[in-house]
C-alpha atoms as a PDB file:
ATOM      1  CA  UNK A   1      -0.065   0.015  -0.102  1.00  0.00           C
ATOM      2  CA  UNK A   2       2.685   2.331   0.920  1.00  0.00           C
ATOM      3  CA  UNK A   3       4.686   2.053  -2.324  1.00  0.00           C
ATOM      4  CA  UNK A   4       1.374   1.703  -4.563  1.00  0.00           C
ATOM      5  CA  UNK A   5       2.121  -1.722  -6.089  1.00  0.00           C
ATOM      6  CA  UNK A   6      -1.040  -3.744  -6.067  1.00  0.00           C
ATOM      7  CA  UNK A   7       0.993  -7.111  -6.590  1.00  0.00           C
ATOM      8  CA  UNK A   8       2.501  -6.921  -3.045  1.00  0.00           C
ATOM      9  CA  UNK A   9      -0.892  -6.066  -1.343  1.00  0.00           C
ATOM     10  CA  UNK A  10      -1.458  -9.688  -0.477  1.00  0.00           C
ATOM     11  CA  UNK A  11       2.020  -9.956   0.858  1.00  0.00           C
ATOM     12  CA  UNK A  12       1.565  -7.279   3.336  1.00  0.00           C
ATOM     13  CA  UNK A  13      -1.027  -9.254   5.192  1.00  0.00           C
ATOM     14  CA  UNK A  14       1.256 -12.535   5.442  1.00  0.00           C
ATOM     15  CA  UNK A  15       2.763 -13.052   8.949  1.00  0.00           C
ATOM     16  CA  UNK A  16       6.407 -13.455   9.400  1.00  0.00           C
ATOM     17  CA  UNK A  17       6.032 -17.175  10.555  1.00  0.00           C
ATOM     18  CA  UNK A  18       4.032 -17.978   7.470  1.00  0.00           C
ATOM     19  CA  UNK A  19       6.805 -16.668   5.353  1.00  0.00           C
ATOM     20  CA  UNK A  20       9.249 -19.037   7.071  1.00  0.00           C
ATOM     21  CA  UNK A  21       6.668 -21.719   6.481  1.00  0.00           C
ATOM     22  CA  UNK A  22       6.706 -21.110   2.868  1.00  0.00           C
ATOM     23  CA  UNK A  23      10.496 -20.803   2.662  1.00  0.00           C
ATOM     24  CA  UNK A  24      10.796 -24.371   4.368  1.00  0.00           C
ATOM     25  CA  UNK A  25       8.659 -25.849   1.355  1.00  0.00           C
ATOM     26  CA  UNK A  26      10.245 -28.178  -0.947  1.00  0.00           C
ATOM     27  CA  UNK A  27       9.123 -26.097  -4.062  1.00  0.00           C
ATOM     28  CA  UNK A  28      10.822 -22.991  -2.658  1.00  0.00           C
ATOM     29  CA  UNK A  29      14.137 -24.677  -1.675  1.00  0.00           C
ATOM     30  CA  UNK A  30      14.489 -26.522  -5.147  1.00  0.00           C
ATOM     31  CA  UNK A  31      13.980 -23.015  -6.783  1.00  0.00           C
ATOM     32  CA  UNK A  32      15.749 -20.373  -4.760  1.00  0.00           C
ATOM     33  CA  UNK A  33      18.573 -22.401  -2.573  1.00  0.00           C
ATOM     34  CA  UNK A  34      21.952 -23.008  -4.078  1.00  0.00           C
ATOM     35  CA  UNK A  35      24.868 -24.225  -1.997  1.00  0.00           C
ATOM     36  CA  UNK A  36      28.111 -24.207  -3.453  1.00  0.00           C
ATOM     37  CA  UNK A  37      30.664 -25.789  -1.483  1.00  0.00           C
ATOM     38  CA  UNK A  38      34.146 -24.781  -1.369  1.00  0.00           C
ATOM     39  CA  UNK A  39      36.504 -27.243  -3.137  1.00  0.00           C
ATOM     40  CA  UNK A  40      40.019 -27.490  -1.627  1.00  0.00           C
ATOM     41  CA  UNK A  41      42.788 -27.687  -4.144  1.00  0.00           C
ATOM     42  CA  UNK A  42      44.824 -30.952  -3.819  1.00  0.00           C
ATOM     43  CA  UNK A  43      48.425 -30.486  -2.760  1.00  0.00           C
ATOM     44  CA  UNK A  44      51.126 -33.014  -3.066  1.00  0.00           C
ATOM     45  CA  UNK A  45      53.373 -31.118  -0.462  1.00  0.00           C
ATOM     46  CA  UNK A  46      53.351 -32.995   2.635  1.00  0.00           C
ATOM     47  CA  UNK A  47      52.206 -36.414   3.989  1.00  0.00           C
ATOM     48  CA  UNK A  48      48.727 -36.355   5.134  1.00  0.00           C
ATOM     49  CA  UNK A  49      48.925 -38.336   8.318  1.00  0.00           C
ATOM     50  CA  UNK A  50      49.439 -37.739  12.272  1.00  0.00           C
ATOM     51  CA  UNK A  51      53.159 -37.932  13.080  1.00  0.00           C
ATOM     52  CA  UNK A  52      54.363 -40.761  15.598  1.00  0.00           C
ATOM     53  CA  UNK A  53      57.345 -39.459  17.296  1.00  0.00           C
ATOM     54  CA  UNK A  54      57.736 -42.604  19.518  1.00  0.00           C
ATOM     55  CA  UNK A  55      58.847 -40.899  22.467  1.00  0.00           C
ATOM     56  CA  UNK A  56      61.509 -38.998  20.667  1.00  0.00           C
ATOM     57  CA  UNK A  57      61.731 -35.125  20.913  1.00  0.00           C
ATOM     58  CA  UNK A  58      61.998 -33.206  17.560  1.00  0.00           C
ATOM     59  CA  UNK A  59      58.450 -33.587  16.239  1.00  0.00           C
ATOM     60  CA  UNK A  60      57.060 -30.131  15.969  1.00  0.00           C
ATOM     61  CA  UNK A  61      53.241 -29.099  15.984  1.00  0.00           C
ATOM     62  CA  UNK A  62      52.919 -25.783  14.114  1.00  0.00           C
ATOM     63  CA  UNK A  63      50.080 -23.386  13.997  1.00  0.00           C
ATOM     64  CA  UNK A  64      49.233 -19.694  13.422  1.00  0.00           C
ATOM     65  CA  UNK A  65      47.128 -17.490  15.540  1.00  0.00           C
ATOM     66  CA  UNK A  66      45.725 -14.302  14.185  1.00  0.00           C
ATOM     67  CA  UNK A  67      45.415 -11.195  16.521  1.00  0.00           C
ATOM     68  CA  UNK A  68      42.257  -9.787  15.032  1.00  0.00           C
ATOM     69  CA  UNK A  69      41.213  -7.247  12.610  1.00  0.00           C
ATOM     70  CA  UNK A  70      40.225  -3.519  13.206  1.00  0.00           C
ATOM     71  CA  UNK A  71      38.312  -1.743  10.777  1.00  0.00           C
ATOM     72  CA  UNK A  72      39.451  -4.125   8.010  1.00  0.00           C
ATOM     73  CA  UNK A  73      43.127  -3.734   9.042  1.00  0.00           C
ATOM     74  CA  UNK A  74      44.764  -6.898   9.856  1.00  0.00           C
ATOM     75  CA  UNK A  75      46.782  -7.475  12.958  1.00  0.00           C
ATOM     76  CA  UNK A  76      49.913  -9.356  13.889  1.00  0.00           C
ATOM     77  CA  UNK A  77      50.103 -13.108  13.324  1.00  0.00           C
ATOM     78  CA  UNK A  78      51.764 -15.435  15.892  1.00  0.00           C
ATOM     79  CA  UNK A  79      53.707 -18.566  14.918  1.00  0.00           C
ATOM     80  CA  UNK A  80      53.216 -21.256  17.521  1.00  0.00           C
ATOM     81  CA  UNK A  81      55.524 -24.227  17.410  1.00  0.00           C
ATOM     82  CA  UNK A  82      55.403 -27.107  20.106  1.00  0.00           C
ATOM     83  CA  UNK A  83      57.460 -29.961  20.550  1.00  0.00           C
ATOM     84  CA  UNK A  84      55.062 -33.154  20.848  1.00  0.00           C
ATOM     85  CA  UNK A  85      57.065 -34.999  23.550  1.00  0.00           C
ATOM     86  CA  UNK A  86      58.832 -32.259  25.570  1.00  0.00           C
ATOM     87  CA  UNK A  87      56.191 -29.776  24.967  1.00  0.00           C
ATOM     88  CA  UNK A  88      58.919 -27.089  24.611  1.00  0.00           C
ATOM     89  CA  UNK A  89      57.352 -24.183  22.763  1.00  0.00           C
ATOM     90  CA  UNK A  90      58.681 -21.399  20.725  1.00  0.00           C
ATOM     91  CA  UNK A  91      56.622 -18.324  19.895  1.00  0.00           C
ATOM     92  CA  UNK A  92      57.315 -15.732  17.224  1.00  0.00           C
ATOM     93  CA  UNK A  93      55.131 -12.958  15.710  1.00  0.00           C
ATOM     94  CA  UNK A  94      55.094 -11.790  12.072  1.00  0.00           C
ATOM     95  CA  UNK A  95      53.413  -8.770  10.539  1.00  0.00           C
ATOM     96  CA  UNK A  96      52.087 -10.739   7.440  1.00  0.00           C
ATOM     97  CA  UNK A  97      51.628 -14.375   6.469  1.00  0.00           C
ATOM     98  CA  UNK A  98      53.793 -14.241   3.375  1.00  0.00           C
ATOM     99  CA  UNK A  99      57.138 -16.138   2.658  1.00  0.00           C
ATOM    100  CA  UNK A 100      58.962 -12.772   3.185  1.00  0.00           C
ATOM    101  CA  UNK A 101      58.065 -12.706   6.789  1.00  0.00           C
ATOM    102  CA  UNK A 102      57.345 -16.364   7.418  1.00  0.00           C
ATOM    103  CA  UNK A 103      60.289 -18.337   6.054  1.00  0.00           C
ATOM    104  CA  UNK A 104      63.052 -16.280   8.337  1.00  0.00           C
ATOM    105  CA  UNK A 105      60.807 -16.684  11.436  1.00  0.00           C
ATOM    106  CA  UNK A 106      60.560 -20.378  10.746  1.00  0.00           C
ATOM    107  CA  UNK A 107      64.262 -20.890  10.452  1.00  0.00           C
ATOM    108  CA  UNK A 108      64.712 -18.896  13.548  1.00  0.00           C
ATOM    109  CA  UNK A 109      62.181 -21.090  15.405  1.00  0.00           C
ATOM    110  CA  UNK A 110      63.715 -24.245  14.315  1.00  0.00           C
ATOM    111  CA  UNK A 111      67.241 -22.852  15.369  1.00  0.00           C
ATOM    112  CA  UNK A 112      65.685 -22.176  19.134  1.00  0.00           C
ATOM    113  CA  UNK A 113      64.810 -25.684  19.845  1.00  0.00           C
ATOM    114  CA  UNK A 114      67.347 -27.528  22.138  1.00  0.00           C
ATOM    115  CA  UNK A 115      67.369 -30.703  20.141  1.00  0.00           C
ATOM    116  CA  UNK A 116      67.252 -31.676  16.196  1.00  0.00           C
ATOM    117  CA  UNK A 117      64.050 -31.270  14.482  1.00  0.00           C
ATOM    118  CA  UNK A 118      62.680 -34.188  12.741  1.00  0.00           C
ATOM    119  CA  UNK A 119      59.022 -33.506  11.811  1.00  0.00           C
ATOM    120  CA  UNK A 120      56.917 -30.528  11.241  1.00  0.00           C
ATOM    121  CA  UNK A 121      53.373 -30.921  11.392  1.00  0.00           C
ATOM    122  CA  UNK A 122      50.562 -28.459  10.549  1.00  0.00           C
ATOM    123  CA  UNK A 123      47.064 -28.146   9.657  1.00  0.00           C
ATOM    124  CA  UNK A 124      46.239 -27.808   5.914  1.00  0.00           C
ATOM    125  CA  UNK A 125      46.728 -23.939   5.755  1.00  0.00           C
ATOM    126  CA  UNK A 126      48.260 -22.600   2.553  1.00  0.00           C
ATOM    127  CA  UNK A 127      50.812 -20.646   4.966  1.00  0.00           C
ATOM    128  CA  UNK A 128      52.786 -23.879   5.559  1.00  0.00           C
ATOM    129  CA  UNK A 129      51.686 -26.148   2.760  1.00  0.00           C
ATOM    130  CA  UNK A 130      53.552 -24.402   0.013  1.00  0.00           C
ATOM    131  CA  UNK A 131      56.842 -24.813  -2.054  1.00  0.00           C
ATOM    132  CA  UNK A 132      58.884 -22.320  -0.164  1.00  0.00           C
ATOM    133  CA  UNK A 133      58.251 -23.830   3.180  1.00  0.00           C
ATOM    134  CA  UNK A 134      58.576 -27.394   1.701  1.00  0.00           C
ATOM    135  CA  UNK A 135      62.057 -26.241   0.223  1.00  0.00           C
ATOM    136  CA  UNK A 136      63.268 -24.966   3.464  1.00  0.00           C
ATOM    137  CA  UNK A 137      61.983 -28.133   5.495  1.00  0.00           C
ATOM    138  CA  UNK A 138      63.868 -30.475   2.797  1.00  0.00           C
ATOM    139  CA  UNK A 139      66.927 -28.327   3.059  1.00  0.00           C
ATOM    140  CA  UNK A 140      66.976 -29.007   6.698  1.00  0.00           C
ATOM    141  CA  UNK A 141      65.959 -32.581   6.210  1.00  0.00           C
ATOM    142  CA  UNK A 142      62.772 -32.345   8.231  1.00  0.00           C
ATOM    143  CA  UNK A 143      59.665 -34.215   7.442  1.00  0.00           C
ATOM    144  CA  UNK A 144      56.568 -32.393   6.677  1.00  0.00           C
ATOM    145  CA  UNK A 145      53.203 -33.856   7.572  1.00  0.00           C
ATOM    146  CA  UNK A 146      49.807 -32.329   7.557  1.00  0.00           C
ATOM    147  CA  UNK A 147      46.474 -33.033   9.211  1.00  0.00           C
ATOM    148  CA  UNK A 148      44.232 -35.676   7.744  1.00  0.00           C
ATOM    149  CA  UNK A 149      40.728 -34.802   6.395  1.00  0.00           C
ATOM    150  CA  UNK A 150      37.977 -35.013   9.052  1.00  0.00           C
ATOM    151  CA  UNK A 151      40.478 -35.525  11.836  1.00  0.00           C
ATOM    152  CA  UNK A 152      40.293 -32.176  13.793  1.00  0.00           C
ATOM    153  CA  UNK A 153      42.329 -33.407  16.767  1.00  0.00           C
ATOM    154  CA  UNK A 154      45.433 -34.271  14.764  1.00  0.00           C
ATOM    155  CA  UNK A 155      46.810 -30.814  15.722  1.00  0.00           C
ATOM    156  CA  UNK A 156      45.215 -30.461  19.074  1.00  0.00           C
ATOM    157  CA  UNK A 157      48.402 -30.006  21.098  1.00  0.00           C
ATOM    158  CA  UNK A 158      49.249 -26.700  19.621  1.00  0.00           C
ATOM    159  CA  UNK A 159      45.554 -25.547  19.382  1.00  0.00           C
ATOM    160  CA  UNK A 160      45.304 -25.909  23.119  1.00  0.00           C
ATOM    161  CA  UNK A 161      48.623 -24.057  23.446  1.00  0.00           C
ATOM    162  CA  UNK A 162      47.341 -21.275  21.406  1.00  0.00           C
ATOM    163  CA  UNK A 163      44.764 -20.882  24.127  1.00  0.00           C
ATOM    164  CA  UNK A 164      46.574 -21.649  27.150  1.00  0.00           C
ATOM    165  CA  UNK A 165      49.572 -19.517  26.199  1.00  0.00           C
ATOM    166  CA  UNK A 166      49.129 -17.042  23.408  1.00  0.00           C
ATOM    167  CA  UNK A 167      45.433 -15.874  24.413  1.00  0.00           C
ATOM    168  CA  UNK A 168      46.024 -16.014  28.044  1.00  0.00           C
ATOM    169  CA  UNK A 169      48.937 -13.446  27.721  1.00  0.00           C
ATOM    170  CA  UNK A 170      47.821 -11.354  24.805  1.00  0.00           C
ATOM    171  CA  UNK A 171      44.023 -11.871  24.833  1.00  0.00           C
ATOM    172  CA  UNK A 172      41.900 -11.319  21.694  1.00  0.00           C
ATOM    173  CA  UNK A 173      42.171  -7.817  21.224  1.00  0.00           C
ATOM    174  CA  UNK A 174      43.594  -6.265  17.880  1.00  0.00           C
ATOM    175  CA  UNK A 175      47.393  -5.639  18.013  1.00  0.00           C
ATOM    176  CA  UNK A 176      48.436  -3.638  14.886  1.00  0.00           C
ATOM    177  CA  UNK A 177      51.081  -5.154  12.562  1.00  0.00           C
ATOM    178  CA  UNK A 178      53.718  -2.639  13.314  1.00  0.00           C
ATOM    179  CA  UNK A 179      54.214  -4.014  17.042  1.00  0.00           C
ATOM    180  CA  UNK A 180      55.319  -7.701  15.670  1.00  0.00           C
ATOM    181  CA  UNK A 181      58.979  -7.062  16.749  1.00  0.00           C
ATOM    182  CA  UNK A 182      58.101  -5.713  20.105  1.00  0.00           C
ATOM    183  CA  UNK A 183      55.539  -8.826  20.507  1.00  0.00           C
ATOM    184  CA  UNK A 184      58.669 -11.101  19.573  1.00  0.00           C
ATOM    185  CA  UNK A 185      60.870  -9.349  22.237  1.00  0.00           C
ATOM    186  CA  UNK A 186      58.206 -10.184  24.685  1.00  0.00           C
ATOM    187  CA  UNK A 187      57.978 -13.865  23.638  1.00  0.00           C
ATOM    188  CA  UNK A 188      61.947 -14.191  23.679  1.00  0.00           C
ATOM    189  CA  UNK A 189      62.153 -12.647  26.970  1.00  0.00           C
ATOM    190  CA  UNK A 190      59.366 -13.864  29.034  1.00  0.00           C
ATOM    191  CA  UNK A 191      57.775 -16.932  27.250  1.00  0.00           C
END
């Protein structure tokens, strides 16, 4: 009535719950709904399995923690590496997730562990499953493994450390990228 179009006059009298009932109908869903599932790109980099360290230190679990966005501006990223057996943890921060920032930090993290690194396990994120990281790990003779499909607990150790260490000390608030070197200094001196 308000806009003067007569074909919408009947719709003005329909209740919201009746609209939901109409939308639940098979005819409406067949015509109006499309669910396009994202397809992951298969990568031959890394073996898809859970590592088995057999009680030997040197098998790392690695994950990235993002420190939030503020008005569309990205915050720092924390790279968390935890040894599966000893639970020795090395944390670093980077401004961005790109090989320019990530490769030097990964080399630094690997050097900080007090034992030889034998394995590097990560989720299926493209920040670690790429040619540059694979080249670095191959050069250092470190085996790269990635989480299996539908096994969300493959990287549970480092995910729990993200909450109990990173979020405990830094919280969830946005930290601008320019502070990554100072956050690194905090990690080196206090964690």
